[in-house]
Amino acid sequence: MRRAVTAAVVLAAVAVPLTSASSSAASPYKGANTATVQDDFNGDGYRDLAVGAPSAANGAVDEAGAVVVLYGSASSVTATRRTVITQATAGVPGDPEDGDDFGRSVAGADLDRDGYADLIVGAPRETVGSKELRGTVTVVWGGPSGLKGGSTISPPTGYGEGRTYCAFGKALATGDMNGDGAPELSVGSGCDAATYTGPFTRTGRATHAVGDIQLGDARGVVMGDVNGDGRAEQFWLPGPTDLDLRGPVLFYPGTATDNPLPSAPRPTELPYADGHAGAIGDVNGDGYGDLVTGISYDDSMSGGPAGWAHRGGEIQVLYGSAKGITADQKPVVYQQDTAGVPGAAENGDMFGQSISIGNVDGDKYADVLVGAPGEAVGTHRTAGTAVLLRGSATGLTTAKAAGYTQDTAGVPGAVETGDQFGAAVHLADLNKDGKAETVVGAPTENSDGCVWVARGSSSGPVTNGSANICGKSAGITVHGVKGYFGAAFASPHVEL
């Protein structure tokens, strides 16, 4: 068994109280577990945008955390059409406490199969009983008037026995592994893997739950169909280990059984693949999901042994097929030294810190948005950038690649040192026009953090008229520390 290496990581933090607003629909929109509307929390047919603000305050309680859901519509999202969720919200379990990090990770899926997507929130630094940093996962239930009430997803029996500081909820992923229409839920942490078979009851109880899958650490997880059989595969990304600082990639297949959860004690390792976070989408339009992983930490950041990512960070692509993703596949690697990728590879750029896959231009190929929050823009260190790489029939390409900063024409705001633009990124069609909006978080901008939203078009993201939505205007509270609004979306980001 691999033993996890301890890595030094700065975790963003801030706290804020929340207000609640809702949006309604007459009846649930069918297909809340399809890729297009798995985050439609009010059933109106528009995808909604969940934004984590894990360091938002609740009154004088710093770093309690919050999630703001911005409801999608024909005009995309605004700061006013929203619901703010905290552990002080009526019906949501728990209490807002200093350092809980509620909203460090977010996801959406129709867990109870009622036709409305449900919001899943990780609070990996929450103390449970006497166990510090044990972490919790909360579900807030969707419905015709939006999100109301909640339940705790309890760790499986035996989870993390003998271990402390597990950070349960560090990563979240959902996918239907047995094709029954009810999603499975996988929860990453600094301890064991935990995964659940849906559907869930409104008490938060799953049909089956499995923990202690003997991964050691289970810091990242991604689910998606890479072999076209209609069932999601599950990929665990344990993070850096003593033998593999770039991070192993471990695989469990979907299966047409009532309980598709892993029965084998160990998954299959993909020996040529690496990654600390990942996403799945059909980049080459062949009907099979492709796995894109990111390794953002390079040797300059480790303070220890060499062997991390290419200078400045990298992403890797493994293409799906009728056979899925097989152990003999070698990934295609992209860095900022790759010809055609905007920018230049420099120490600490953190290219690959965040990843999202979606179709920004309405063709049949999914595109990949990559965050590099450590990128310097001019003299402004860690100002950050987001890079869009286009899908094509031949796979991910650098043709028409584009980089976006707050110095890009049409992007609101101004480049400032330490904004971390690109710490989280997300591609989702929020206005139902068939083209994904480009969403980029800058969680350390100002005292609250901001999110940039640009609509999609046949030529890609439209910067003119794009919006900058900041945490205070969206309802979070900031007290003694920054709120980190925009630190998390439903797309993954690296959490070491």
Protein backbone atom coordinates (compact mmCIF):
# COMPACT_ATOMS: atom_id res chain seq x y z
CA MET A 1 0.00 0.00 0.00
CA ARG A 2 1.26 3.47 -0.82
CA ARG A 3 1.84 5.79 2.06
CA ALA A 4 0.73 9.36 1.52
CA VAL A 5 3.31 12.12 1.52
CA THR A 6 2.55 15.19 3.57
CA ALA A 7 2.44 18.28 1.37
CA ALA A 8 2.43 21.89 2.52
CA VAL A 9 -0.68 23.60 1.19
CA VAL A 10 -2.22 26.96 2.00
CA LEU A 11 -6.00 26.59 2.41
CA ALA A 12 -8.05 29.65 1.66
CA ALA A 13 -10.40 30.68 4.42
CA VAL A 14 -13.03 33.25 5.34
CA ALA A 15 -16.46 33.49 6.88
CA VAL A 16 -19.89 34.95 6.13
CA PRO A 17 -23.59 34.84 7.06
CA LEU A 18 -26.24 34.18 4.42
CA THR A 19 -29.56 35.29 3.14
CA SER A 20 -32.04 33.13 1.29
CA ALA A 21 -33.90 33.69 -1.94
CA SER A 22 -35.56 31.12 -4.13
CA SER A 23 -36.82 30.48 -7.64
CA SER A 24 -39.79 28.34 -8.48
CA ALA A 25 -41.05 26.02 -11.19
CA ALA A 26 -44.46 24.38 -11.57
CA SER A 27 -43.14 20.84 -11.98
CA PRO A 28 -39.79 19.09 -11.93
CA TYR A 29 -37.72 19.14 -15.07
CA LYS A 30 -37.22 15.58 -16.29
CA GLY A 31 -33.68 14.27 -16.30
CA ALA A 32 -32.12 15.88 -13.25
CA ASN A 33 -29.43 13.19 -13.32
CA THR A 34 -28.38 13.84 -16.90
CA ALA A 35 -25.19 15.75 -17.50
CA THR A 36 -27.06 18.80 -18.76
CA VAL A 37 -29.27 19.45 -15.73
CA GLN A 38 -27.72 17.58 -12.82
CA ASP A 39 -27.51 20.91 -10.98
CA ASP A 40 -31.04 22.20 -11.68
CA PHE A 41 -32.11 22.65 -8.08
CA ASN A 42 -35.53 24.24 -8.69
CA GLY A 43 -36.64 22.15 -11.67
CA ASP A 44 -37.14 25.01 -14.15
CA GLY A 45 -34.93 23.44 -16.84
CA TYR A 46 -31.99 25.78 -16.34
CA ARG A 47 -28.73 24.70 -14.74
CA ASP A 48 -27.85 26.58 -11.57
CA LEU A 49 -24.43 27.68 -10.34
CA ALA A 50 -23.32 26.63 -6.85
CA VAL A 51 -20.47 28.78 -5.57
CA GLY A 52 -18.51 27.81 -2.48
CA ALA A 53 -17.33 30.51 -0.07
CA PRO A 54 -15.63 28.31 2.54
CA SER A 55 -14.22 31.17 4.58
CA ALA A 56 -17.39 33.25 4.75
CA ALA A 57 -18.31 34.44 8.21
CA ASN A 58 -21.49 33.82 10.11
CA GLY A 59 -21.92 36.86 12.28
CA ALA A 60 -18.68 37.08 14.25
CA VAL A 61 -17.78 33.45 13.48
CA ASP A 62 -14.98 33.48 10.93
CA GLU A 63 -14.44 30.77 8.34
CA ALA A 64 -17.75 29.04 9.03
CA GLY A 65 -18.42 28.87 5.30
CA ALA A 66 -21.31 29.32 2.91
CA VAL A 67 -22.61 28.22 -0.48
CA VAL A 68 -24.40 30.62 -2.80
CA VAL A 69 -26.63 29.12 -5.49
CA LEU A 70 -27.16 31.48 -8.42
CA TYR A 71 -30.23 30.34 -10.35
CA GLY A 72 -29.88 29.95 -14.10
CA SER A 73 -32.25 31.62 -16.54
CA ALA A 74 -32.48 32.76 -20.16
CA SER A 75 -30.24 35.66 -19.16
CA SER A 76 -27.77 33.42 -17.29
CA VAL A 77 -27.11 34.21 -13.59
CA THR A 78 -27.12 37.36 -11.49
CA ALA A 79 -26.21 38.21 -7.90
CA THR A 80 -29.84 38.88 -6.96
CA ARG A 81 -31.52 35.64 -8.05
CA ARG A 82 -29.95 33.41 -5.45
CA THR A 83 -30.15 31.28 -2.34
CA VAL A 84 -27.46 31.47 0.35
CA ILE A 85 -26.91 28.29 2.37
CA THR A 86 -25.00 28.04 5.65
CA GLN A 87 -25.14 25.77 8.66
CA ALA A 88 -27.33 28.45 10.24
CA THR A 89 -29.93 28.12 7.46
CA ALA A 90 -33.20 26.61 8.72
CA GLY A 91 -33.26 22.85 8.18
CA VAL A 92 -29.54 22.54 7.41
CA PRO A 93 -27.74 20.26 9.91
CA GLY A 94 -24.91 21.49 12.11
CA ASP A 95 -23.86 24.83 13.48
CA PRO A 96 -21.58 27.47 12.00
CA GLU A 97 -18.24 27.20 13.76
CA ASP A 98 -14.88 28.85 13.29
CA GLY A 99 -12.92 27.03 10.59
CA ASP A 100 -15.58 24.53 9.44
CA ASP A 101 -14.91 25.31 5.74
CA PHE A 102 -18.54 24.63 4.75
CA GLY A 103 -18.49 25.01 0.96
CA ARG A 104 -14.91 23.90 0.34
CA SER A 105 -16.41 21.41 -2.13
CA VAL A 106 -19.83 21.38 -3.85
CA ALA A 107 -21.69 19.05 -6.20
CA GLY A 108 -25.20 18.47 -7.49
CA ALA A 109 -27.32 15.41 -8.33
CA ASP A 110 -30.86 14.13 -7.78
CA LEU A 111 -29.98 11.86 -4.88
CA ASP A 112 -33.56 11.05 -3.87
CA ARG A 113 -34.80 10.74 -7.47
CA ASP A 114 -37.70 13.17 -7.08
CA GLY A 115 -36.90 15.08 -10.28
CA TYR A 116 -35.01 17.92 -8.60
CA ALA A 117 -31.25 18.11 -8.22
CA ASP A 118 -29.91 18.30 -4.67
CA LEU A 119 -26.96 20.33 -3.43
CA ILE A 120 -24.08 18.40 -1.82
CA VAL A 121 -21.66 20.37 0.33
CA GLY A 122 -18.37 19.36 1.91
CA ALA A 123 -17.09 20.91 5.16
CA PRO A 124 -13.76 19.08 5.47
CA ARG A 125 -12.44 21.01 8.46
CA GLU A 126 -15.47 20.54 10.69
CA THR A 127 -14.90 18.96 14.10
CA VAL A 128 -17.15 15.95 14.78
CA GLY A 129 -17.41 15.08 18.45
CA SER A 130 -13.86 15.22 19.76
CA LYS A 131 -12.31 14.55 16.34
CA GLU A 132 -10.80 17.69 14.85
CA LEU A 133 -10.90 18.12 11.08
CA ARG A 134 -13.04 15.00 10.80
CA GLY A 135 -15.19 16.69 8.16
CA THR A 136 -18.84 16.41 7.16
CA VAL A 137 -20.96 16.17 4.02
CA THR A 138 -24.41 17.76 3.89
CA VAL A 139 -27.23 17.41 1.34
CA VAL A 140 -29.65 20.31 0.87
CA TRP A 141 -32.74 19.06 -0.93
CA GLY A 142 -33.96 20.58 -4.19
CA GLY A 143 -37.61 21.26 -4.98
CA PRO A 144 -40.03 23.53 -6.88
CA SER A 145 -39.16 26.53 -4.69
CA GLY A 146 -35.46 25.84 -4.69
CA LEU A 147 -33.31 24.40 -1.91
CA LYS A 148 -34.86 23.63 1.47
CA GLY A 149 -34.00 21.36 4.39
CA GLY A 150 -31.01 19.11 4.64
CA SER A 151 -29.46 15.90 5.89
CA THR A 152 -26.02 14.69 6.84
CA ILE A 153 -24.32 11.96 4.80
CA SER A 154 -22.68 9.85 7.49
CA PRO A 155 -19.33 8.17 6.82
CA PRO A 156 -19.62 4.39 6.29
CA THR A 157 -19.05 2.02 9.18
CA GLY A 158 -15.35 1.69 9.91
CA TYR A 159 -14.41 4.83 8.01
CA GLY A 160 -11.07 6.30 9.10
CA GLU A 161 -10.63 4.04 12.10
CA GLY A 162 -7.47 4.92 13.98
CA ARG A 163 -6.86 8.02 11.87
CA THR A 164 -7.32 11.69 12.63
CA TYR A 165 -7.74 14.84 10.55
CA CYS A 166 -9.60 12.91 7.84
CA ALA A 167 -11.17 15.98 6.15
CA PHE A 168 -14.18 13.97 4.98
CA GLY A 169 -15.77 15.92 2.10
CA LYS A 170 -12.58 17.29 0.61
CA ALA A 171 -13.79 16.12 -2.81
CA LEU A 172 -17.21 15.09 -4.15
CA ALA A 173 -18.34 13.26 -7.27
CA THR A 174 -21.60 11.74 -8.49
CA GLY A 175 -22.44 9.33 -11.28
CA ASP A 176 -24.81 6.48 -12.07
CA MET A 177 -22.60 3.39 -11.90
CA ASN A 178 -25.33 0.78 -12.49
CA GLY A 179 -27.61 2.59 -14.94
CA ASP A 180 -30.70 2.61 -12.71
CA GLY A 181 -31.15 6.39 -12.87
CA ALA A 182 -30.10 6.96 -9.26
CA PRO A 183 -26.64 8.47 -8.84
CA GLU A 184 -23.91 7.06 -6.68
CA LEU A 185 -21.96 9.48 -4.47
CA SER A 186 -18.22 9.31 -3.87
CA VAL A 187 -16.56 11.35 -1.13
CA GLY A 188 -12.85 12.14 -1.08
CA SER A 189 -10.87 12.74 2.09
CA GLY A 190 -7.46 12.50 3.67
CA CYS A 191 -8.38 9.04 4.97
CA ASP A 192 -10.28 6.20 3.31
CA ALA A 193 -12.44 6.30 0.22
CA ALA A 194 -16.17 6.44 0.87
CA THR A 195 -18.83 5.73 -1.73
CA TYR A 196 -22.59 5.23 -1.65
CA THR A 197 -25.23 3.60 -3.86
CA GLY A 198 -28.31 5.70 -4.57
CA PRO A 199 -31.10 6.45 -4.27
CA PHE A 200 -30.94 8.23 -0.91
CA THR A 201 -33.76 8.84 1.51
CA ARG A 202 -34.38 12.30 2.89
CA THR A 203 -32.68 11.22 6.09
CA GLY A 204 -29.43 11.04 4.09
CA ARG A 205 -29.37 7.25 4.15
CA ALA A 206 -28.05 5.52 1.02
CA THR A 207 -29.12 2.15 -0.33
CA HIS A 208 -25.57 0.85 0.30
CA ALA A 209 -22.41 2.46 1.67
CA VAL A 210 -18.82 1.30 1.38
CA GLY A 211 -15.80 2.76 3.14
CA ASP A 212 -12.25 1.68 3.89
CA ILE A 213 -11.46 0.77 0.26
CA GLN A 214 -7.78 0.66 1.27
CA LEU A 215 -6.54 3.57 -0.79
CA GLY A 216 -4.75 5.18 2.12
CA ASP A 217 -5.65 8.72 1.11
CA ALA A 218 -8.57 9.40 -1.24
CA ARG A 219 -8.19 13.11 -1.87
CA GLY A 220 -9.75 13.30 -5.33
CA VAL A 221 -12.45 11.38 -7.19
CA VAL A 222 -14.16 11.66 -10.57
CA MET A 223 -17.02 9.68 -12.11
CA GLY A 224 -18.21 9.41 -15.70
CA ASP A 225 -18.95 7.00 -18.54
CA VAL A 226 -15.76 6.32 -20.52
CA ASN A 227 -16.89 3.20 -22.40
CA GLY A 228 -20.32 4.26 -23.67
CA ASP A 229 -22.37 1.64 -21.82
CA GLY A 230 -24.50 4.19 -19.98
CA ARG A 231 -22.87 3.49 -16.62
CA ALA A 232 -20.32 5.69 -14.90
CA GLU A 233 -16.83 4.53 -14.08
CA GLN A 234 -15.11 5.71 -10.90
CA PHE A 235 -11.56 7.05 -10.75
CA TRP A 236 -9.84 7.74 -7.43
CA LEU A 237 -6.95 10.20 -7.27
CA PRO A 238 -5.26 9.66 -3.88
CA GLY A 239 -2.79 12.52 -4.39
CA PRO A 240 0.99 12.44 -3.97
CA THR A 241 2.55 9.34 -2.43
CA ASP A 242 6.12 8.45 -1.46
CA LEU A 243 6.47 6.47 -4.68
CA ASP A 244 4.48 8.78 -6.95
CA LEU A 245 4.43 12.50 -6.20
CA ARG A 246 2.42 13.15 -9.37
CA GLY A 247 -0.36 11.00 -7.93
CA PRO A 248 -1.67 7.58 -9.01
CA VAL A 249 -4.95 7.13 -10.90
CA LEU A 250 -7.06 4.20 -9.68
CA PHE A 251 -10.08 2.78 -11.49
CA TYR A 252 -13.30 0.91 -10.64
CA PRO A 253 -15.73 -0.01 -13.48
CA GLY A 254 -19.45 0.54 -13.53
CA THR A 255 -21.54 -2.62 -13.40
CA ALA A 256 -25.19 -3.56 -13.99
CA THR A 257 -25.88 -4.76 -10.46
CA ASP A 258 -28.11 -3.43 -7.72
CA ASN A 259 -25.02 -2.55 -5.70
CA PRO A 260 -22.28 -1.39 -8.10
CA LEU A 261 -19.93 -0.32 -5.35
CA PRO A 262 -16.44 -1.78 -5.36
CA SER A 263 -16.25 -5.28 -3.92
CA ALA A 264 -12.54 -5.74 -4.69
CA PRO A 265 -10.17 -4.47 -1.98
CA ARG A 266 -8.03 -2.67 -4.53
CA PRO A 267 -8.91 -0.93 -7.80
CA THR A 268 -6.94 -1.17 -11.04
CA GLU A 269 -4.07 1.30 -11.27
CA LEU A 270 -3.44 3.11 -14.57
CA PRO A 271 0.37 2.99 -14.51
CA TYR A 272 1.02 5.73 -17.06
CA ALA A 273 -1.52 8.22 -15.74
CA ASP A 274 -1.08 10.85 -13.04
CA GLY A 275 -3.31 13.42 -11.38
CA HIS A 276 -4.46 15.15 -8.22
CA ALA A 277 -7.88 16.17 -9.59
CA GLY A 278 -9.87 15.20 -12.66
CA ALA A 279 -12.96 15.62 -14.83
CA ILE A 280 -14.65 13.55 -17.55
CA GLY A 281 -16.20 14.79 -20.81
CA ASP A 282 -16.30 13.84 -24.49
CA VAL A 283 -13.48 15.97 -25.90
CA ASN A 284 -13.26 14.26 -29.32
CA GLY A 285 -16.99 13.75 -29.91
CA ASP A 286 -16.84 9.98 -30.34
CA GLY A 287 -19.49 9.21 -27.73
CA TYR A 288 -17.06 8.11 -25.03
CA GLY A 289 -16.07 10.17 -22.02
CA ASP A 290 -12.44 11.25 -21.77
CA LEU A 291 -10.54 11.70 -18.49
CA VAL A 292 -8.63 14.94 -17.96
CA THR A 293 -6.46 15.20 -14.85
CA GLY A 294 -4.43 18.04 -13.39
CA ILE A 295 -1.16 18.16 -11.45
CA SER A 296 -0.55 21.75 -10.45
CA TYR A 297 2.25 21.41 -7.90
CA ASP A 298 5.76 21.60 -9.33
CA ASP A 299 9.11 21.02 -7.68
CA SER A 300 9.52 24.71 -6.83
CA MET A 301 6.50 24.49 -4.50
CA SER A 302 7.14 21.18 -2.75
CA GLY A 303 9.87 22.15 -0.33
CA GLY A 304 11.02 18.55 -0.56
CA PRO A 305 11.82 15.81 -3.04
CA ALA A 306 11.66 16.39 -6.80
CA GLY A 307 9.29 14.59 -9.17
CA TRP A 308 6.12 16.66 -9.10
CA ALA A 309 4.51 18.26 -12.17
CA HIS A 310 6.24 19.82 -15.14
CA ARG A 311 7.39 23.33 -14.27
CA GLY A 312 4.29 25.46 -13.73
CA GLY A 313 1.88 22.49 -13.73
CA GLU A 314 0.26 20.26 -16.35
CA ILE A 315 -2.85 18.42 -17.43
CA GLN A 316 -3.16 14.94 -18.90
CA VAL A 317 -5.81 13.48 -21.23
CA LEU A 318 -6.80 9.82 -21.49
CA TYR A 319 -9.35 9.08 -24.23
CA GLY A 320 -12.29 6.74 -23.69
CA SER A 321 -13.33 3.99 -26.10
CA ALA A 322 -15.57 0.94 -26.30
CA LYS A 323 -13.00 -0.69 -24.03
CA GLY A 324 -12.98 2.29 -21.71
CA ILE A 325 -9.66 3.62 -20.48
CA THR A 326 -7.19 0.77 -20.29
CA ALA A 327 -4.04 0.25 -18.24
CA ASP A 328 -1.76 0.35 -21.28
CA GLN A 329 -2.84 3.84 -22.36
CA LYS A 330 -0.39 6.70 -22.17
CA PRO A 331 -1.87 10.15 -21.61
CA VAL A 332 -1.41 13.18 -23.82
CA VAL A 333 0.21 15.92 -21.71
CA TYR A 334 -0.28 19.68 -21.98
CA GLN A 335 1.68 22.39 -20.17
CA GLN A 336 2.24 26.06 -20.81
CA ASP A 337 5.40 25.02 -22.64
CA THR A 338 3.26 23.05 -25.11
CA ALA A 339 3.14 24.82 -28.49
CA GLY A 340 -0.06 26.84 -28.79
CA VAL A 341 -0.96 26.85 -25.07
CA PRO A 342 -1.24 30.49 -23.92
CA GLY A 343 1.35 31.70 -21.44
CA ALA A 344 4.74 30.35 -20.47
CA ALA A 345 5.55 27.70 -17.90
CA GLU A 346 7.00 29.34 -14.79
CA ASN A 347 7.59 28.11 -11.27
CA GLY A 348 4.44 28.09 -9.21
CA ASP A 349 1.92 28.91 -11.98
CA MET A 350 -0.31 26.05 -10.77
CA PHE A 351 -1.61 25.26 -14.26
CA GLY A 352 -4.09 22.40 -13.65
CA GLN A 353 -5.15 23.56 -10.17
CA SER A 354 -8.74 23.51 -11.45
CA ILE A 355 -10.36 21.83 -14.45
CA SER A 356 -13.75 21.84 -16.11
CA ILE A 357 -15.09 20.24 -19.28
CA GLY A 358 -18.01 21.65 -21.30
CA ASN A 359 -19.03 22.80 -24.75
CA VAL A 360 -18.50 26.56 -25.05
CA ASP A 361 -19.27 26.94 -28.76
CA GLY A 362 -22.11 24.50 -29.47
CA ASP A 363 -20.17 22.12 -31.69
CA LYS A 364 -20.09 18.41 -30.84
CA TYR A 365 -16.78 18.55 -29.01
CA ALA A 366 -16.34 19.31 -25.31
CA ASP A 367 -13.74 21.93 -24.41
CA VAL A 368 -11.43 22.07 -21.40
CA LEU A 369 -10.99 25.08 -19.11
CA VAL A 370 -7.84 25.03 -16.97
CA GLY A 371 -7.08 27.35 -14.05
CA ALA A 372 -3.59 28.59 -13.21
CA PRO A 373 -4.12 30.79 -10.14
CA GLY A 374 -0.39 31.18 -9.45
CA GLU A 375 0.31 32.82 -12.80
CA ALA A 376 1.89 36.26 -12.68
CA VAL A 377 0.35 38.92 -14.91
CA GLY A 378 2.94 41.58 -15.53
CA THR A 379 4.39 42.47 -12.14
CA HIS A 380 1.35 41.12 -10.29
CA ARG A 381 2.24 37.79 -8.72
CA THR A 382 -0.45 35.11 -8.30
CA ALA A 383 -2.91 37.28 -10.20
CA GLY A 384 -4.00 34.14 -12.05
CA THR A 385 -5.26 33.06 -15.43
CA ALA A 386 -7.69 30.59 -17.01
CA VAL A 387 -6.83 28.81 -20.26
CA LEU A 388 -9.43 27.38 -22.65
CA LEU A 389 -8.36 24.48 -24.89
CA ARG A 390 -10.78 23.33 -27.60
CA GLY A 391 -12.00 19.84 -28.34
CA SER A 392 -11.89 18.44 -31.87
CA ALA A 393 -12.34 15.20 -33.81
CA THR A 394 -8.68 14.46 -33.14
CA GLY A 395 -8.94 15.27 -29.43
CA LEU A 396 -7.88 18.22 -27.34
CA THR A 397 -6.15 20.83 -29.45
CA THR A 398 -4.35 24.12 -28.98
CA ALA A 399 -6.00 25.58 -32.10
CA LYS A 400 -8.05 28.64 -31.06
CA ALA A 401 -6.75 28.25 -27.49
CA ALA A 402 -7.29 31.37 -25.39
CA GLY A 403 -6.10 32.67 -22.06
CA TYR A 404 -8.18 34.97 -19.85
CA THR A 405 -7.05 37.27 -17.06
CA GLN A 406 -8.54 40.37 -15.50
CA ASP A 407 -6.36 42.25 -17.97
CA THR A 408 -8.20 40.69 -20.95
CA ALA A 409 -10.33 43.15 -22.91
CA GLY A 410 -13.95 42.97 -21.74
CA VAL A 411 -13.22 41.09 -18.51
CA PRO A 412 -14.43 43.23 -15.58
CA GLY A 413 -12.11 44.16 -12.74
CA ALA A 414 -8.40 44.81 -12.71
CA VAL A 415 -5.34 42.62 -12.35
CA GLU A 416 -4.09 42.69 -8.78
CA THR A 417 -1.45 40.75 -6.91
CA GLY A 418 -2.86 37.74 -5.13
CA ASP A 419 -6.34 37.57 -6.72
CA GLN A 420 -5.87 33.88 -7.71
CA PHE A 421 -8.10 34.18 -10.77
CA GLY A 422 -8.53 30.55 -11.87
CA ALA A 423 -8.39 28.92 -8.43
CA ALA A 424 -11.69 27.32 -9.47
CA VAL A 425 -13.23 27.10 -12.95
CA HIS A 426 -16.51 25.81 -14.32
CA LEU A 427 -18.18 25.32 -17.71
CA ALA A 428 -21.99 25.00 -17.67
CA ASP A 429 -24.85 26.07 -19.93
CA LEU A 430 -26.70 28.34 -17.53
CA ASN A 431 -29.02 30.00 -20.08
CA LYS A 432 -29.99 26.85 -22.05
CA ASP A 433 -28.72 28.08 -25.42
CA GLY A 434 -26.55 25.00 -26.04
CA LYS A 435 -23.29 26.80 -25.27
CA ALA A 436 -21.60 26.68 -21.89
CA GLU A 437 -20.89 29.80 -19.90
CA THR A 438 -17.29 30.23 -18.78
CA VAL A 439 -17.09 30.71 -15.00
CA VAL A 440 -13.85 31.56 -13.21
CA GLY A 441 -13.37 32.11 -9.49
CA ALA A 442 -10.99 34.68 -8.01
CA PRO A 443 -11.53 33.85 -4.33
CA THR A 444 -8.93 36.24 -2.94
CA GLU A 445 -10.03 39.27 -4.90
CA ASN A 446 -10.91 42.07 -2.48
CA SER A 447 -12.17 40.94 0.93
CA ASP A 448 -14.92 38.66 -0.33
CA GLY A 449 -13.86 37.01 -3.60
CA CYS A 450 -15.44 37.26 -7.05
CA VAL A 451 -16.67 35.09 -9.92
CA TRP A 452 -16.38 35.98 -13.60
CA VAL A 453 -19.18 34.72 -15.89
CA ALA A 454 -19.01 34.98 -19.71
CA ARG A 455 -21.72 33.57 -21.98
CA GLY A 456 -20.85 31.05 -24.66
CA SER A 457 -21.14 31.65 -28.40
CA SER A 458 -20.25 29.92 -31.66
CA SER A 459 -16.83 31.57 -31.40
CA GLY A 460 -16.36 30.84 -27.70
CA PRO A 461 -16.64 32.94 -24.53
CA VAL A 462 -17.94 36.46 -25.05
CA THR A 463 -15.99 38.87 -22.86
CA ASN A 464 -17.90 42.02 -23.80
CA GLY A 465 -20.80 42.37 -21.39
CA SER A 466 -19.50 39.58 -19.17
CA ALA A 467 -20.23 39.82 -15.46
CA ASN A 468 -18.16 39.95 -12.30
CA ILE A 469 -20.22 38.75 -9.31
CA CYS A 470 -18.61 39.29 -5.93
CA GLY A 471 -19.41 37.64 -2.63
CA LYS A 472 -20.87 40.54 -0.70
CA SER A 473 -23.26 41.40 -3.53
CA ALA A 474 -24.28 37.73 -3.62
CA GLY A 475 -25.15 37.65 0.06
CA ILE A 476 -22.12 36.39 1.98
CA THR A 477 -20.74 38.09 5.07
CA VAL A 478 -17.10 38.92 5.65
CA HIS A 479 -15.72 39.48 9.14
CA GLY A 480 -12.08 39.05 10.13
CA VAL A 481 -10.76 37.16 7.10
CA LYS A 482 -11.49 36.99 3.39
CA GLY A 483 -14.66 35.19 2.36
CA TYR A 484 -13.22 33.16 -0.53
CA PHE A 485 -16.35 33.36 -2.64
CA GLY A 486 -15.48 31.50 -5.84
CA ALA A 487 -13.14 28.96 -4.20
CA ALA A 488 -15.32 26.02 -5.33
CA PHE A 489 -17.76 25.06 -8.07
CA ALA A 490 -19.15 21.67 -9.05
CA SER A 491 -16.04 21.20 -11.20
CA PRO A 492 -12.93 19.87 -9.41
CA HIS A 493 -9.95 21.71 -8.03
CA VAL A 494 -6.84 20.33 -6.37
CA GLU A 495 -6.97 19.95 -2.59
CA LEU A 496 -3.75 18.50 -1.21
